[in-house]
Amino acid sequence: MERGWAELGRVIRAHRRRAGLTQEQLAERSGSHWTYINEIENGRRNPGVGVLSRAAARSPKILAALATA
């Protein structure tokens, strides 16, 4: 996996925690499963554009993470 995706996962985790969201809550907001969020945050999966878009639309802090990653 490319380093950039792993870094994005770390940034998403940090912003999710700052927003006070669990992986389950972020998964619900993004229309995915919490295990998928876990794999993204741990650099084991690349997030899909749809998941990123839905997460960003429902959580301004995640949008900030995407803008700064």
C-alpha atoms as a PDB file:
ATOM      1  CA  MET A   1       0.000   0.000   0.000  1.00  0.00           C
ATOM      2  CA  GLU A   2       1.257   3.442  -0.785  1.00  0.00           C
ATOM      3  CA  ARG A   3       2.540   5.562   2.071  1.00  0.00           C
ATOM      4  CA  GLY A   4       0.065   8.333   1.236  1.00  0.00           C
ATOM      5  CA  TRP A   5      -2.940   6.112   1.937  1.00  0.00           C
ATOM      6  CA  ALA A   6      -1.474   4.983   5.258  1.00  0.00           C
ATOM      7  CA  GLU A   7      -0.881   8.606   6.223  1.00  0.00           C
ATOM      8  CA  LEU A   8      -4.441   9.499   5.248  1.00  0.00           C
ATOM      9  CA  GLY A   9      -5.667   6.706   7.524  1.00  0.00           C
ATOM     10  CA  ARG A  10      -3.697   8.127  10.448  1.00  0.00           C
ATOM     11  CA  VAL A  11      -5.054  11.611   9.768  1.00  0.00           C
ATOM     12  CA  ILE A  12      -8.622  10.317   9.560  1.00  0.00           C
ATOM     13  CA  ARG A  13      -8.183   8.482  12.869  1.00  0.00           C
ATOM     14  CA  ALA A  14      -6.824  11.582  14.587  1.00  0.00           C
ATOM     15  CA  HIS A  15      -9.665  13.768  13.318  1.00  0.00           C
ATOM     16  CA  ARG A  16     -12.281  11.114  14.109  1.00  0.00           C
ATOM     17  CA  ARG A  17     -11.036  10.971  17.692  1.00  0.00           C
ATOM     18  CA  ARG A  18     -10.964  14.771  17.980  1.00  0.00           C
ATOM     19  CA  ALA A  19     -14.545  14.840  16.732  1.00  0.00           C
ATOM     20  CA  GLY A  20     -15.456  12.399  19.502  1.00  0.00           C
ATOM     21  CA  LEU A  21     -16.628   9.729  17.062  1.00  0.00           C
ATOM     22  CA  THR A  22     -16.178   5.990  17.370  1.00  0.00           C
ATOM     23  CA  GLN A  23     -15.307   3.899  14.341  1.00  0.00           C
ATOM     24  CA  GLU A  24     -18.873   2.629  14.430  1.00  0.00           C
ATOM     25  CA  GLN A  25     -20.283   6.160  14.297  1.00  0.00           C
ATOM     26  CA  LEU A  26     -18.023   7.173  11.432  1.00  0.00           C
ATOM     27  CA  ALA A  27     -18.913   3.967   9.601  1.00  0.00           C
ATOM     28  CA  GLU A  28     -22.618   4.723   9.988  1.00  0.00           C
ATOM     29  CA  ARG A  29     -22.109   8.259   8.674  1.00  0.00           C
ATOM     30  CA  SER A  30     -20.110   7.005   5.702  1.00  0.00           C
ATOM     31  CA  GLY A  31     -22.373   4.078   4.847  1.00  0.00           C
ATOM     32  CA  SER A  32     -19.756   1.442   5.562  1.00  0.00           C
ATOM     33  CA  HIS A  33     -18.843  -1.100   8.231  1.00  0.00           C
ATOM     34  CA  TRP A  34     -16.662  -0.279  11.229  1.00  0.00           C
ATOM     35  CA  THR A  35     -14.137  -2.951  10.210  1.00  0.00           C
ATOM     36  CA  TYR A  36     -13.638  -1.109   6.908  1.00  0.00           C
ATOM     37  CA  ILE A  37     -12.957   2.136   8.806  1.00  0.00           C
ATOM     38  CA  ASN A  38     -10.531   0.234  11.034  1.00  0.00           C
ATOM     39  CA  GLU A  39      -8.653  -1.134   8.024  1.00  0.00           C
ATOM     40  CA  ILE A  40      -8.432   2.350   6.457  1.00  0.00           C
ATOM     41  CA  GLU A  41      -7.144   3.868   9.686  1.00  0.00           C
ATOM     42  CA  ASN A  42      -4.546   1.130  10.019  1.00  0.00           C
ATOM     43  CA  GLY A  43      -3.351   1.474   6.425  1.00  0.00           C
ATOM     44  CA  ARG A  44      -4.580  -1.944   5.298  1.00  0.00           C
ATOM     45  CA  ARG A  45      -7.185  -0.652   2.810  1.00  0.00           C
ATOM     46  CA  ASN A  46      -7.526   2.268   0.476  1.00  0.00           C
ATOM     47  CA  PRO A  47     -10.700   4.245   1.107  1.00  0.00           C
ATOM     48  CA  GLY A  48     -13.120   4.511  -1.766  1.00  0.00           C
ATOM     49  CA  VAL A  49     -14.148   7.888  -3.100  1.00  0.00           C
ATOM     50  CA  GLY A  50     -17.768   7.283  -2.126  1.00  0.00           C
ATOM     51  CA  VAL A  51     -16.890   6.479   1.481  1.00  0.00           C
ATOM     52  CA  LEU A  52     -14.604   9.506   1.735  1.00  0.00           C
ATOM     53  CA  SER A  53     -17.256  11.729   0.216  1.00  0.00           C
ATOM     54  CA  ARG A  54     -20.036  10.516   2.529  1.00  0.00           C
ATOM     55  CA  ALA A  55     -17.810  10.731   5.618  1.00  0.00           C
ATOM     56  CA  ALA A  56     -16.712  14.255   4.713  1.00  0.00           C
ATOM     57  CA  ALA A  57     -20.282  15.374   4.053  1.00  0.00           C
ATOM     58  CA  ARG A  58     -21.381  14.214   7.494  1.00  0.00           C
ATOM     59  CA  SER A  59     -18.345  15.203   9.541  1.00  0.00           C
ATOM     60  CA  PRO A  60     -16.632  18.560   8.959  1.00  0.00           C
ATOM     61  CA  LYS A  61     -13.539  17.380  10.858  1.00  0.00           C
ATOM     62  CA  ILE A  62     -13.111  14.477   8.436  1.00  0.00           C
ATOM     63  CA  LEU A  63     -13.433  16.954   5.565  1.00  0.00           C
ATOM     64  CA  ALA A  64     -10.627  18.968   7.188  1.00  0.00           C
ATOM     65  CA  ALA A  65      -8.541  15.805   7.395  1.00  0.00           C
ATOM     66  CA  LEU A  66      -8.979  15.159   3.695  1.00  0.00           C
ATOM     67  CA  ALA A  67      -8.091  18.739   2.844  1.00  0.00           C
ATOM     68  CA  THR A  68      -4.863  18.640   4.841  1.00  0.00           C
ATOM     69  CA  ALA A  69      -3.717  15.087   4.066  1.00  0.00           C
END
